[in-house]
Every structure is written in C-alpha cells, then in structure tokens.
Amino acid sequence: ALTLTQETMISHFCQIFNWNKNSTKHRNAVNFTLQVALGKKDIKEHKSNGNEWFDSTIYNVLNTLNNIDIDILENFLLISTWRNTVNHAKKGDRKKMQKEFPDILTQFSVYFLKQKAAKC
C-alpha cells in the first residue's frame, strides 16, 4: 500500500509539473523537489542540476507547489520514508505507520477528489 501510494503521488506530481511520468530521472526528482519546497534541501544539491529539463522547470514547479497544502507535501515525504523503511527492512516505528497511514491515505483521497472536481 505504501509503494502504491508513493508511486501514485509521484505520477501525480510529474503530471502537474509537466514532467514525463515515465522518466526515471523525472520521477526521482519529485522527492527532491518537494524537499526543496519545504526548505529541507537546497536546490543546488540536485545531482541533475544543469540538465535542461530540470533547470527550465524547477521554479515553475516550486510555484505550483506553493498552491498545494503543505500537509500533502509533508505527508508525501513521510510516506516515501515509510515505504523505504518497509521495503528495505530499515529500522522505523511500524506501529506509528500502521496508526497514521489510513488518515494520510484519506487525506490524499480527498486531495485527489478536489483536483478532479476542479478540472470539471
């Protein structure tokens, strides 16, 4: 469930950023870009910096992210961390994951319903 949620969110962000959701480097850049938007990373840290696709869109992408509820962005990063914890057998608070995941999934579902309604 964590992997499916994370991958769905990555595809969604690629779509709203006008990035190719089938491109590994575009998909990999999503997590980093959200960290930049939340002030957790500096844009200069990106190893793809200097690639035209990234440099030409990053500031528009960051502006787009300013219009998304910060809880959605933070919970996406949390889901990504949890997914790595579970899939790679890392240490982590699995009870917290089990307790909080349903609420986060509901939050994402509401977000997607609002996005769908806005397009209509």
PDB file of N, CA and C in Angstrom:
ATOM      1  N   ALA A   1       0.827  -1.200   0.000  1.00  0.00           N
ATOM      2  CA  ALA A   1       0.000   0.000   0.000  1.00  0.00           C
ATOM      3  C   ALA A   1       0.871   1.263   0.000  1.00  0.00           C
ATOM      4  N   LEU A   2       1.969   1.206   0.767  1.00  0.00           N
ATOM      5  CA  LEU A   2       2.856   2.369   0.806  1.00  0.00           C
ATOM      6  C   LEU A   2       3.480   2.641  -0.555  1.00  0.00           C
ATOM      7  N   THR A   3       3.944   1.583  -1.203  1.00  0.00           N
ATOM      8  CA  THR A   3       4.578   1.745  -2.518  1.00  0.00           C
ATOM      9  C   THR A   3       3.567   2.266  -3.538  1.00  0.00           C
ATOM     10  N   LEU A   4       2.380   1.703  -3.551  1.00  0.00           N
ATOM     11  CA  LEU A   4       1.345   2.150  -4.486  1.00  0.00           C
ATOM     12  C   LEU A   4       0.998   3.618  -4.247  1.00  0.00           C
ATOM     13  N   THR A   5       0.857   3.995  -2.989  1.00  0.00           N
ATOM     14  CA  THR A   5       0.543   5.386  -2.669  1.00  0.00           C
ATOM     15  C   THR A   5       1.662   6.309  -3.110  1.00  0.00           C
ATOM     16  N   GLN A   6       2.888   5.940  -2.795  1.00  0.00           N
ATOM     17  CA  GLN A   6       4.028   6.775  -3.179  1.00  0.00           C
ATOM     18  C   GLN A   6       4.118   6.912  -4.696  1.00  0.00           C
ATOM     19  N   GLU A   7       4.012   5.815  -5.415  1.00  0.00           N
ATOM     20  CA  GLU A   7       4.141   5.861  -6.873  1.00  0.00           C
ATOM     21  C   GLU A   7       3.004   6.642  -7.518  1.00  0.00           C
ATOM     22  N   THR A   8       1.809   6.532  -6.958  1.00  0.00           N
ATOM     23  CA  THR A   8       0.671   7.302  -7.473  1.00  0.00           C
ATOM     24  C   THR A   8       0.906   8.791  -7.280  1.00  0.00           C
ATOM     25  N   MET A   9       1.407   9.153  -6.118  1.00  0.00           N
ATOM     26  CA  MET A   9       1.690  10.564  -5.849  1.00  0.00           C
ATOM     27  C   MET A   9       2.809  11.082  -6.747  1.00  0.00           C
ATOM     28  N   ILE A  10       3.833  10.276  -6.969  1.00  0.00           N
ATOM     29  CA  ILE A  10       4.918  10.683  -7.869  1.00  0.00           C
ATOM     30  C   ILE A  10       4.363  10.934  -9.268  1.00  0.00           C
ATOM     31  N   SER A  11       3.522  10.037  -9.753  1.00  0.00           N
ATOM     32  CA  SER A  11       2.912  10.219 -11.081  1.00  0.00           C
ATOM     33  C   SER A  11       2.080  11.502 -11.113  1.00  0.00           C
ATOM     34  N   HIS A  12       1.343  11.746 -10.055  1.00  0.00           N
ATOM     35  CA  HIS A  12       0.523  12.963  -9.984  1.00  0.00           C
ATOM     36  C   HIS A  12       1.406  14.210 -10.042  1.00  0.00           C
ATOM     37  N   PHE A  13       2.457  14.230  -9.230  1.00  0.00           N
ATOM     38  CA  PHE A  13       3.328  15.402  -9.238  1.00  0.00           C
ATOM     39  C   PHE A  13       3.994  15.582 -10.600  1.00  0.00           C
ATOM     40  N   CYS A  14       4.436  14.511 -11.218  1.00  0.00           N
ATOM     41  CA  CYS A  14       5.007  14.628 -12.565  1.00  0.00           C
ATOM     42  C   CYS A  14       3.995  15.258 -13.520  1.00  0.00           C
ATOM     43  N   GLN A  15       2.759  14.827 -13.416  1.00  0.00           N
ATOM     44  CA  GLN A  15       1.711  15.356 -14.297  1.00  0.00           C
ATOM     45  C   GLN A  15       1.504  16.848 -14.076  1.00  0.00           C
ATOM     46  N   ILE A  16       1.402  17.281 -12.820  1.00  0.00           N
ATOM     47  CA  ILE A  16       1.149  18.706 -12.596  1.00  0.00           C
ATOM     48  C   ILE A  16       2.395  19.559 -12.863  1.00  0.00           C
ATOM     49  N   PHE A  17       3.582  18.939 -12.829  1.00  0.00           N
ATOM     50  CA  PHE A  17       4.812  19.664 -13.153  1.00  0.00           C
ATOM     51  C   PHE A  17       5.092  19.676 -14.654  1.00  0.00           C
ATOM     52  N   ASN A  18       4.305  18.922 -15.417  1.00  0.00           N
ATOM     53  CA  ASN A  18       4.555  18.724 -16.849  1.00  0.00           C
ATOM     54  C   ASN A  18       5.877  18.009 -17.094  1.00  0.00           C
ATOM     55  N   TRP A  19       6.194  17.088 -16.195  1.00  0.00           N
ATOM     56  CA  TRP A  19       7.355  16.226 -16.350  1.00  0.00           C
ATOM     57  C   TRP A  19       6.871  14.883 -16.873  1.00  0.00           C
ATOM     58  N   ASN A  20       7.746  14.146 -17.493  1.00  0.00           N
ATOM     59  CA  ASN A  20       7.414  12.835 -18.044  1.00  0.00           C
ATOM     60  C   ASN A  20       7.317  11.818 -16.911  1.00  0.00           C
ATOM     61  N   LYS A  21       6.104  11.340 -16.656  1.00  0.00           N
ATOM     62  CA  LYS A  21       5.915  10.405 -15.533  1.00  0.00           C
ATOM     63  C   LYS A  21       6.551   9.046 -15.791  1.00  0.00           C
ATOM     64  N   ASN A  22       6.967   8.781 -17.021  1.00  0.00           N
ATOM     65  CA  ASN A  22       7.639   7.523 -17.347  1.00  0.00           C
ATOM     66  C   ASN A  22       9.157   7.634 -17.288  1.00  0.00           C
ATOM     67  N   SER A  23       9.665   8.820 -17.044  1.00  0.00           N
ATOM     68  CA  SER A  23      11.106   9.048 -16.980  1.00  0.00           C
ATOM     69  C   SER A  23      11.610   8.824 -15.556  1.00  0.00           C
ATOM     70  N   THR A  24      12.568   7.941 -15.406  1.00  0.00           N
ATOM     71  CA  THR A  24      13.128   7.660 -14.082  1.00  0.00           C
ATOM     72  C   THR A  24      13.730   8.912 -13.464  1.00  0.00           C
ATOM     73  N   LYS A  25      14.458   9.700 -14.251  1.00  0.00           N
ATOM     74  CA  LYS A  25      15.082  10.882 -13.655  1.00  0.00           C
ATOM     75  C   LYS A  25      14.046  11.937 -13.266  1.00  0.00           C
ATOM     76  N   HIS A  26      12.946  12.027 -13.989  1.00  0.00           N
ATOM     77  CA  HIS A  26      11.889  12.960 -13.599  1.00  0.00           C
ATOM     78  C   HIS A  26      11.217  12.471 -12.320  1.00  0.00           C
ATOM     79  N   ARG A  27      10.930  11.174 -12.265  1.00  0.00           N
ATOM     80  CA  ARG A  27      10.291  10.597 -11.078  1.00  0.00           C
ATOM     81  C   ARG A  27      11.200  10.737  -9.855  1.00  0.00           C
ATOM     82  N   ASN A  28      12.487  10.498 -10.047  1.00  0.00           N
ATOM     83  CA  ASN A  28      13.434  10.616  -8.937  1.00  0.00           C
ATOM     84  C   ASN A  28      13.552  12.050  -8.437  1.00  0.00           C
ATOM     85  N   ALA A  29      13.320  13.015  -9.309  1.00  0.00           N
ATOM     86  CA  ALA A  29      13.444  14.421  -8.939  1.00  0.00           C
ATOM     87  C   ALA A  29      12.259  14.921  -8.109  1.00  0.00           C
ATOM     88  N   VAL A  30      11.153  14.197  -8.127  1.00  0.00           N
ATOM     89  CA  VAL A  30       9.965  14.640  -7.396  1.00  0.00           C
ATOM     90  C   VAL A  30      10.256  14.765  -5.904  1.00  0.00           C
ATOM     91  N   ASN A  31      10.786  13.733  -5.300  1.00  0.00           N
ATOM     92  CA  ASN A  31      11.051  13.742  -3.867  1.00  0.00           C
ATOM     93  C   ASN A  31      11.982  14.898  -3.498  1.00  0.00           C
ATOM     94  N   PHE A  32      13.039  15.050  -4.278  1.00  0.00           N
ATOM     95  CA  PHE A  32      13.986  16.134  -4.026  1.00  0.00           C
ATOM     96  C   PHE A  32      13.293  17.492  -4.131  1.00  0.00           C
ATOM     97  N   THR A  33      12.485  17.670  -5.153  1.00  0.00           N
ATOM     98  CA  THR A  33      11.817  18.944  -5.392  1.00  0.00           C
ATOM     99  C   THR A  33      10.873  19.294  -4.245  1.00  0.00           C
ATOM    100  N   LEU A  34      10.173  18.304  -3.721  1.00  0.00           N
ATOM    101  CA  LEU A  34       9.304  18.559  -2.571  1.00  0.00           C
ATOM    102  C   LEU A  34      10.123  18.944  -1.346  1.00  0.00           C
ATOM    103  N   GLN A  35      11.284  18.336  -1.191  1.00  0.00           N
ATOM    104  CA  GLN A  35      12.158  18.699  -0.075  1.00  0.00           C
ATOM    105  C   GLN A  35      12.644  20.136  -0.214  1.00  0.00           C
ATOM    106  N   VAL A  36      12.932  20.566  -1.434  1.00  0.00           N
ATOM    107  CA  VAL A  36      13.326  21.962  -1.673  1.00  0.00           C
ATOM    108  C   VAL A  36      12.165  22.884  -1.305  1.00  0.00           C
ATOM    109  N   ALA A  37      10.960  22.533  -1.753  1.00  0.00           N
ATOM    110  CA  ALA A  37       9.782  23.363  -1.486  1.00  0.00           C
ATOM    111  C   ALA A  37       9.519  23.508   0.008  1.00  0.00           C
ATOM    112  N   LEU A  38       9.851  22.476   0.776  1.00  0.00           N
ATOM    113  CA  LEU A  38       9.617  22.500   2.219  1.00  0.00           C
ATOM    114  C   LEU A  38      10.826  23.018   3.005  1.00  0.00           C
ATOM    115  N   GLY A  39      11.877  23.444   2.290  1.00  0.00           N
ATOM    116  CA  GLY A  39      13.053  24.001   2.945  1.00  0.00           C
ATOM    117  C   GLY A  39      13.978  22.973   3.567  1.00  0.00           C
ATOM    118  N   LYS A  40      13.823  21.703   3.184  1.00  0.00           N
ATOM    119  CA  LYS A  40      14.658  20.641   3.747  1.00  0.00           C
ATOM    120  C   LYS A  40      15.936  20.415   2.944  1.00  0.00           C
ATOM    121  N   LYS A  41      15.962  20.878   1.712  1.00  0.00           N
ATOM    122  CA  LYS A  41      17.148  20.753   0.845  1.00  0.00           C
ATOM    123  C   LYS A  41      17.323  22.052   0.076  1.00  0.00           C
ATOM    124  N   ASP A  42      18.543  22.271  -0.383  1.00  0.00           N
ATOM    125  CA  ASP A  42      18.853  23.415  -1.226  1.00  0.00           C
ATOM    126  C   ASP A  42      18.823  22.963  -2.683  1.00  0.00           C
ATOM    127  N   ILE A  43      18.290  23.779  -3.541  1.00  0.00           N
ATOM    128  CA  ILE A  43      18.144  23.436  -4.957  1.00  0.00           C
ATOM    129  C   ILE A  43      19.486  23.074  -5.594  1.00  0.00           C
ATOM    130  N   LYS A  44      20.570  23.642  -5.096  1.00  0.00           N
ATOM    131  CA  LYS A  44      21.898  23.395  -5.658  1.00  0.00           C
ATOM    132  C   LYS A  44      22.399  21.977  -5.390  1.00  0.00           C
ATOM    133  N   GLU A  45      21.750  21.265  -4.485  1.00  0.00           N
ATOM    134  CA  GLU A  45      22.168  19.903  -4.137  1.00  0.00           C
ATOM    135  C   GLU A  45      21.759  18.862  -5.180  1.00  0.00           C
ATOM    136  N   HIS A  46      20.857  19.222  -6.076  1.00  0.00           N
ATOM    137  CA  HIS A  46      20.337  18.220  -7.008  1.00  0.00           C
ATOM    138  C   HIS A  46      21.408  17.769  -7.989  1.00  0.00           C
ATOM    139  N   LYS A  47      21.608  16.461  -8.057  1.00  0.00           N
ATOM    140  CA  LYS A  47      22.653  15.930  -8.935  1.00  0.00           C
ATOM    141  C   LYS A  47      22.305  16.072 -10.410  1.00  0.00           C
ATOM    142  N   SER A  48      21.045  16.339 -10.724  1.00  0.00           N
ATOM    143  CA  SER A  48      20.661  16.566 -12.122  1.00  0.00           C
ATOM    144  C   SER A  48      20.680  18.045 -12.463  1.00  0.00           C
ATOM    145  N   ASN A  49      21.057  18.879 -11.497  1.00  0.00           N
ATOM    146  CA  ASN A  49      21.120  20.303 -11.774  1.00  0.00           C
ATOM    147  C   ASN A  49      22.069  20.522 -12.947  1.00  0.00           C
ATOM    148  N   GLY A  50      21.664  21.338 -13.876  1.00  0.00           N
ATOM    149  CA  GLY A  50      22.428  21.534 -15.102  1.00  0.00           C
ATOM    150  C   GLY A  50      21.746  20.865 -16.279  1.00  0.00           C
ATOM    151  N   ASN A  51      20.831  19.947 -16.021  1.00  0.00           N
ATOM    152  CA  ASN A  51      20.044  19.350 -17.091  1.00  0.00           C
ATOM    153  C   ASN A  51      18.922  20.309 -17.460  1.00  0.00           C
ATOM    154  N   GLU A  52      18.728  20.503 -18.732  1.00  0.00           N
ATOM    155  CA  GLU A  52      17.763  21.487 -19.214  1.00  0.00           C
ATOM    156  C   GLU A  52      16.357  21.234 -18.680  1.00  0.00           C
ATOM    157  N   TRP A  53      15.916  19.979 -18.651  1.00  0.00           N
ATOM    158  CA  TRP A  53      14.548  19.688 -18.199  1.00  0.00           C
ATOM    159  C   TRP A  53      14.312  20.154 -16.768  1.00  0.00           C
ATOM    160  N   PHE A  54      15.344  20.031 -15.928  1.00  0.00           N
ATOM    161  CA  PHE A  54      15.216  20.425 -14.528  1.00  0.00           C
ATOM    162  C   PHE A  54      15.320  21.938 -14.384  1.00  0.00           C
ATOM    163  N   ASP A  55      16.368  22.494 -14.961  1.00  0.00           N
ATOM    164  CA  ASP A  55      16.621  23.925 -14.829  1.00  0.00           C
ATOM    165  C   ASP A  55      15.505  24.778 -15.434  1.00  0.00           C
ATOM    166  N   SER A  56      14.899  24.292 -16.513  1.00  0.00           N
ATOM    167  CA  SER A  56      13.881  25.092 -17.190  1.00  0.00           C
ATOM    168  C   SER A  56      12.518  25.032 -16.505  1.00  0.00           C
ATOM    169  N   THR A  57      12.323  24.083 -15.595  1.00  0.00           N
ATOM    170  CA  THR A  57      11.002  23.948 -14.978  1.00  0.00           C
ATOM    171  C   THR A  57      10.982  24.125 -13.471  1.00  0.00           C
ATOM    172  N   ILE A  58      12.111  24.049 -12.812  1.00  0.00           N
ATOM    173  CA  ILE A  58      12.121  23.973 -11.355  1.00  0.00           C
ATOM    174  C   ILE A  58      11.428  25.147 -10.675  1.00  0.00           C
ATOM    175  N   TYR A  59      11.612  26.345 -11.157  1.00  0.00           N
ATOM    176  CA  TYR A  59      10.995  27.489 -10.474  1.00  0.00           C
ATOM    177  C   TYR A  59       9.487  27.525 -10.687  1.00  0.00           C
ATOM    178  N   ASN A  60       9.013  27.104 -11.859  1.00  0.00           N
ATOM    179  CA  ASN A  60       7.571  26.966 -12.069  1.00  0.00           C
ATOM    180  C   ASN A  60       7.003  25.867 -11.188  1.00  0.00           C
ATOM    181  N   VAL A  61       7.758  24.783 -11.052  1.00  0.00           N
ATOM    182  CA  VAL A  61       7.338  23.670 -10.203  1.00  0.00           C
ATOM    183  C   VAL A  61       7.225  24.135  -8.753  1.00  0.00           C
ATOM    184  N   LEU A  62       8.198  24.861  -8.274  1.00  0.00           N
ATOM    185  CA  LEU A  62       8.158  25.349  -6.896  1.00  0.00           C
ATOM    186  C   LEU A  62       6.971  26.287  -6.684  1.00  0.00           C
ATOM    187  N   ASN A  63       6.650  27.108  -7.680  1.00  0.00           N
ATOM    188  CA  ASN A  63       5.462  27.965  -7.596  1.00  0.00           C
ATOM    189  C   ASN A  63       4.191  27.129  -7.541  1.00  0.00           C
ATOM    190  N   THR A  64       4.149  26.062  -8.322  1.00  0.00           N
ATOM    191  CA  THR A  64       3.000  25.154  -8.301  1.00  0.00           C
ATOM    192  C   THR A  64       2.840  24.542  -6.920  1.00  0.00           C
ATOM    193  N   LEU A  65       3.937  24.138  -6.321  1.00  0.00           N
ATOM    194  CA  LEU A  65       3.885  23.517  -5.002  1.00  0.00           C
ATOM    195  C   LEU A  65       3.417  24.488  -3.916  1.00  0.00           C
ATOM    196  N   ASN A  66       3.632  25.780  -4.133  1.00  0.00           N
ATOM    197  CA  ASN A  66       3.147  26.780  -3.166  1.00  0.00           C
ATOM    198  C   ASN A  66       1.629  26.774  -3.066  1.00  0.00           C
ATOM    199  N   ASN A  67       0.945  26.237  -4.088  1.00  0.00           N
ATOM    200  CA  ASN A  67      -0.515  26.205  -4.107  1.00  0.00           C
ATOM    201  C   ASN A  67      -1.093  24.908  -3.550  1.00  0.00           C
ATOM    202  N   ILE A  68      -0.232  24.024  -3.098  1.00  0.00           N
ATOM    203  CA  ILE A  68      -0.671  22.743  -2.550  1.00  0.00           C
ATOM    204  C   ILE A  68      -0.505  22.777  -1.038  1.00  0.00           C
ATOM    205  N   ASP A  69      -1.512  22.274  -0.346  1.00  0.00           N
ATOM    206  CA  ASP A  69      -1.490  22.231   1.114  1.00  0.00           C
ATOM    207  C   ASP A  69      -0.188  21.593   1.590  1.00  0.00           C
ATOM    208  N   ILE A  70       0.483  22.276   2.498  1.00  0.00           N
ATOM    209  CA  ILE A  70       1.777  21.805   2.994  1.00  0.00           C
ATOM    210  C   ILE A  70       1.674  20.417   3.623  1.00  0.00           C
ATOM    211  N   ASP A  71       0.521  20.088   4.211  1.00  0.00           N
ATOM    212  CA  ASP A  71       0.340  18.754   4.803  1.00  0.00           C
ATOM    213  C   ASP A  71       0.420  17.662   3.745  1.00  0.00           C
ATOM    214  N   ILE A  72      -0.079  17.928   2.551  1.00  0.00           N
ATOM    215  CA  ILE A  72       0.015  16.953   1.452  1.00  0.00           C
ATOM    216  C   ILE A  72       1.482  16.705   1.128  1.00  0.00           C
ATOM    217  N   LEU A  73       2.247  17.766   1.018  1.00  0.00           N
ATOM    218  CA  LEU A  73       3.670  17.637   0.673  1.00  0.00           C
ATOM    219  C   LEU A  73       4.442  16.920   1.785  1.00  0.00           C
ATOM    220  N   GLU A  74       4.211  17.323   3.018  1.00  0.00           N
ATOM    221  CA  GLU A  74       4.916  16.692   4.133  1.00  0.00           C
ATOM    222  C   GLU A  74       4.531  15.219   4.276  1.00  0.00           C
ATOM    223  N   ASN A  75       3.259  14.918   4.083  1.00  0.00           N
ATOM    224  CA  ASN A  75       2.828  13.524   4.203  1.00  0.00           C
ATOM    225  C   ASN A  75       3.321  12.674   3.043  1.00  0.00           C
ATOM    226  N   PHE A  76       3.487  13.280   1.877  1.00  0.00           N
ATOM    227  CA  PHE A  76       4.111  12.532   0.776  1.00  0.00           C
ATOM    228  C   PHE A  76       5.523  12.124   1.163  1.00  0.00           C
ATOM    229  N   LEU A  77       6.288  13.051   1.718  1.00  0.00           N
ATOM    230  CA  LEU A  77       7.660  12.725   2.134  1.00  0.00           C
ATOM    231  C   LEU A  77       7.658  11.680   3.247  1.00  0.00           C
ATOM    232  N   LEU A  78       6.688  11.760   4.140  1.00  0.00           N
ATOM    233  CA  LEU A  78       6.571  10.764   5.200  1.00  0.00           C
ATOM    234  C   LEU A  78       6.282   9.383   4.614  1.00  0.00           C
ATOM    235  N   ILE A  79       5.357   9.321   3.672  1.00  0.00           N
ATOM    236  CA  ILE A  79       5.028   8.052   3.003  1.00  0.00           C
ATOM    237  C   ILE A  79       6.271   7.498   2.308  1.00  0.00           C
ATOM    238  N   SER A  80       7.041   8.362   1.667  1.00  0.00           N
ATOM    239  CA  SER A  80       8.267   7.922   0.995  1.00  0.00           C
ATOM    240  C   SER A  80       9.255   7.322   1.987  1.00  0.00           C
ATOM    241  N   THR A  81       9.390   7.956   3.133  1.00  0.00           N
ATOM    242  CA  THR A  81      10.280   7.429   4.177  1.00  0.00           C
ATOM    243  C   THR A  81       9.776   6.088   4.678  1.00  0.00           C
ATOM    244  N   TRP A  82       8.487   6.009   4.946  1.00  0.00           N
ATOM    245  CA  TRP A  82       7.906   4.754   5.428  1.00  0.00           C
ATOM    246  C   TRP A  82       8.067   3.641   4.402  1.00  0.00           C
ATOM    247  N   ARG A  83       7.850   3.978   3.144  1.00  0.00           N
ATOM    248  CA  ARG A  83       7.983   2.978   2.081  1.00  0.00           C
ATOM    249  C   ARG A  83       9.399   2.422   2.059  1.00  0.00           C
ATOM    250  N   ASN A  84      10.386   3.291   2.167  1.00  0.00           N
ATOM    251  CA  ASN A  84      11.778   2.834   2.190  1.00  0.00           C
ATOM    252  C   ASN A  84      12.069   2.012   3.440  1.00  0.00           C
ATOM    253  N   THR A  85      11.481   2.395   4.554  1.00  0.00           N
ATOM    254  CA  THR A  85      11.656   1.640   5.797  1.00  0.00           C
ATOM    255  C   THR A  85      11.145   0.213   5.625  1.00  0.00           C
ATOM    256  N   VAL A  86       9.954   0.077   5.085  1.00  0.00           N
ATOM    257  CA  VAL A  86       9.336  -1.243   4.937  1.00  0.00           C
ATOM    258  C   VAL A  86      10.011  -2.049   3.830  1.00  0.00           C
ATOM    259  N   ASN A  87      10.168  -1.452   2.657  1.00  0.00           N
ATOM    260  CA  ASN A  87      10.690  -2.195   1.511  1.00  0.00           C
ATOM    261  C   ASN A  87      12.160  -2.568   1.648  1.00  0.00           C
ATOM    262  N   HIS A  88      12.898  -1.825   2.454  1.00  0.00           N
ATOM    263  CA  HIS A  88      14.322  -2.088   2.586  1.00  0.00           C
ATOM    264  C   HIS A  88      14.693  -2.548   3.996  1.00  0.00           C
ATOM    265  N   ALA A  89      13.674  -2.977   4.742  1.00  0.00           N
ATOM    266  CA  ALA A  89      13.852  -3.541   6.085  1.00  0.00           C
ATOM    267  C   ALA A  89      14.712  -2.651   6.988  1.00  0.00           C
ATOM    268  N   LYS A  90      14.440  -1.358   6.935  1.00  0.00           N
ATOM    269  CA  LYS A  90      15.153  -0.415   7.798  1.00  0.00           C
ATOM    270  C   LYS A  90      14.423  -0.292   9.129  1.00  0.00           C
ATOM    271  N   LYS A  91      15.124   0.216  10.115  1.00  0.00           N
ATOM    272  CA  LYS A  91      14.503   0.452  11.411  1.00  0.00           C
ATOM    273  C   LYS A  91      13.521   1.610  11.283  1.00  0.00           C
ATOM    274  N   GLY A  92      12.430   1.487  12.003  1.00  0.00           N
ATOM    275  CA  GLY A  92      11.424   2.541  11.992  1.00  0.00           C
ATOM    276  C   GLY A  92      10.242   2.142  12.856  1.00  0.00           C
ATOM    277  N   ASP A  93       9.420   3.103  13.166  1.00  0.00           N
ATOM    278  CA  ASP A  93       8.262   2.890  14.027  1.00  0.00           C
ATOM    279  C   ASP A  93       7.083   2.391  13.185  1.00  0.00           C
ATOM    280  N   ARG A  94       6.993   1.082  13.038  1.00  0.00           N
ATOM    281  CA  ARG A  94       5.947   0.485  12.214  1.00  0.00           C
ATOM    282  C   ARG A  94       4.558   0.638  12.840  1.00  0.00           C
ATOM    283  N   LYS A  95       4.484   0.705  14.147  1.00  0.00           N
ATOM    284  CA  LYS A  95       3.184   0.918  14.798  1.00  0.00           C
ATOM    285  C   LYS A  95       2.650   2.304  14.449  1.00  0.00           C
ATOM    286  N   LYS A  96       3.539   3.290  14.406  1.00  0.00           N
ATOM    287  CA  LYS A  96       3.127   4.645  14.021  1.00  0.00           C
ATOM    288  C   LYS A  96       2.638   4.637  12.568  1.00  0.00           C
ATOM    289  N   MET A  97       3.344   3.919  11.709  1.00  0.00           N
ATOM    290  CA  MET A  97       2.929   3.808  10.308  1.00  0.00           C
ATOM    291  C   MET A  97       1.524   3.239  10.216  1.00  0.00           C
ATOM    292  N   GLN A  98       1.319   2.126  10.906  1.00  0.00           N
ATOM    293  CA  GLN A  98       0.018   1.455  10.855  1.00  0.00           C
ATOM    294  C   GLN A  98      -1.091   2.351  11.387  1.00  0.00           C
ATOM    295  N   LYS A  99      -0.785   3.138  12.402  1.00  0.00           N
ATOM    296  CA  LYS A  99      -1.785   4.017  13.000  1.00  0.00           C
ATOM    297  C   LYS A  99      -2.092   5.213  12.101  1.00  0.00           C
ATOM    298  N   GLU A 100      -1.074   5.841  11.527  1.00  0.00           N
ATOM    299  CA  GLU A 100      -1.247   7.094  10.792  1.00  0.00           C
ATOM    300  C   GLU A 100      -1.554   6.922   9.305  1.00  0.00           C
ATOM    301  N   PHE A 101      -1.159   5.784   8.725  1.00  0.00           N
ATOM    302  CA  PHE A 101      -1.323   5.606   7.282  1.00  0.00           C
ATOM    303  C   PHE A 101      -2.772   5.756   6.810  1.00  0.00           C
ATOM    304  N   PRO A 102      -3.763   5.169   7.485  1.00  0.00           N
ATOM    305  CA  PRO A 102      -5.139   5.330   6.992  1.00  0.00           C
ATOM    306  C   PRO A 102      -5.582   6.794   6.900  1.00  0.00           C
ATOM    307  N   ASP A 103      -5.201   7.609   7.877  1.00  0.00           N
ATOM    308  CA  ASP A 103      -5.574   9.028   7.837  1.00  0.00           C
ATOM    309  C   ASP A 103      -4.885   9.760   6.693  1.00  0.00           C
ATOM    310  N   ILE A 104      -3.624   9.439   6.462  1.00  0.00           N
ATOM    311  CA  ILE A 104      -2.898  10.073   5.356  1.00  0.00           C
ATOM    312  C   ILE A 104      -3.489   9.641   4.028  1.00  0.00           C
ATOM    313  N   LEU A 105      -3.815   8.379   3.901  1.00  0.00           N
ATOM    314  CA  LEU A 105      -4.435   7.885   2.672  1.00  0.00           C
ATOM    315  C   LEU A 105      -5.771   8.582   2.424  1.00  0.00           C
ATOM    316  N   THR A 106      -6.542   8.783   3.469  1.00  0.00           N
ATOM    317  CA  THR A 106      -7.808   9.520   3.349  1.00  0.00           C
ATOM    318  C   THR A 106      -7.539  10.950   2.911  1.00  0.00           C
ATOM    319  N   GLN A 107      -6.527  11.567   3.489  1.00  0.00           N
ATOM    320  CA  GLN A 107      -6.166  12.939   3.110  1.00  0.00           C
ATOM    321  C   GLN A 107      -5.815  13.013   1.619  1.00  0.00           C
ATOM    322  N   PHE A 108      -5.035  12.061   1.137  1.00  0.00           N
ATOM    323  CA  PHE A 108      -4.676  12.036  -0.280  1.00  0.00           C
ATOM    324  C   PHE A 108      -5.912  11.819  -1.152  1.00  0.00           C
ATOM    325  N   SER A 109      -6.814  10.958  -0.714  1.00  0.00           N
ATOM    326  CA  SER A 109      -8.040  10.698  -1.480  1.00  0.00           C
ATOM    327  C   SER A 109      -8.874  11.970  -1.614  1.00  0.00           C
ATOM    328  N   VAL A 110      -9.020  12.715  -0.517  1.00  0.00           N
ATOM    329  CA  VAL A 110      -9.755  13.978  -0.551  1.00  0.00           C
ATOM    330  C   VAL A 110      -9.060  14.963  -1.481  1.00  0.00           C
ATOM    331  N   TYR A 111      -7.753  15.021  -1.406  1.00  0.00           N
ATOM    332  CA  TYR A 111      -6.977  15.900  -2.288  1.00  0.00           C
ATOM    333  C   TYR A 111      -7.241  15.572  -3.759  1.00  0.00           C
ATOM    334  N   PHE A 112      -7.205  14.273  -4.105  1.00  0.00           N
ATOM    335  CA  PHE A 112      -7.441  13.872  -5.494  1.00  0.00           C
ATOM    336  C   PHE A 112      -8.868  14.173  -5.934  1.00  0.00           C
ATOM    337  N   LEU A 113      -9.825  14.002  -5.050  1.00  0.00           N
ATOM    338  CA  LEU A 113     -11.218  14.332  -5.388  1.00  0.00           C
ATOM    339  C   LEU A 113     -11.373  15.828  -5.656  1.00  0.00           C
ATOM    340  N   LYS A 114     -10.705  16.656  -4.863  1.00  0.00           N
ATOM    341  CA  LYS A 114     -10.733  18.099  -5.092  1.00  0.00           C
ATOM    342  C   LYS A 114     -10.074  18.446  -6.422  1.00  0.00           C
ATOM    343  N   GLN A 115      -8.975  17.780  -6.750  1.00  0.00           N
ATOM    344  CA  GLN A 115      -8.289  18.026  -8.022  1.00  0.00           C
ATOM    345  C   GLN A 115      -9.204  17.654  -9.189  1.00  0.00           C
ATOM    346  N   LYS A 116      -9.884  16.538  -9.059  1.00  0.00           N
ATOM    347  CA  LYS A 116     -10.804  16.086 -10.105  1.00  0.00           C
ATOM    348  C   LYS A 116     -11.965  17.067 -10.261  1.00  0.00           C
ATOM    349  N   ALA A 117     -12.520  17.529  -9.155  1.00  0.00           N
ATOM    350  CA  ALA A 117     -13.644  18.464  -9.190  1.00  0.00           C
ATOM    351  C   ALA A 117     -13.223  19.801  -9.808  1.00  0.00           C
ATOM    352  N   ALA A 118     -11.999  20.219  -9.542  1.00  0.00           N
ATOM    353  CA  ALA A 118     -11.504  21.488 -10.081  1.00  0.00           C
ATOM    354  C   ALA A 118     -11.366  21.447 -11.597  1.00  0.00           C
ATOM    355  N   LYS A 119     -11.125  20.260 -12.143  1.00  0.00           N
ATOM    356  CA  LYS A 119     -10.965  20.117 -13.587  1.00  0.00           C
ATOM    357  C   LYS A 119     -12.294  20.111 -14.318  1.00  0.00           C
ATOM    358  N   CYS A 120     -13.369  19.821 -13.588  1.00  0.00           N
ATOM    359  CA  CYS A 120     -14.707  19.745 -14.209  1.00  0.00           C
ATOM    360  C   CYS A 120     -15.308  21.090 -14.428  1.00  0.00           C
TER     361      CYS A 120
END
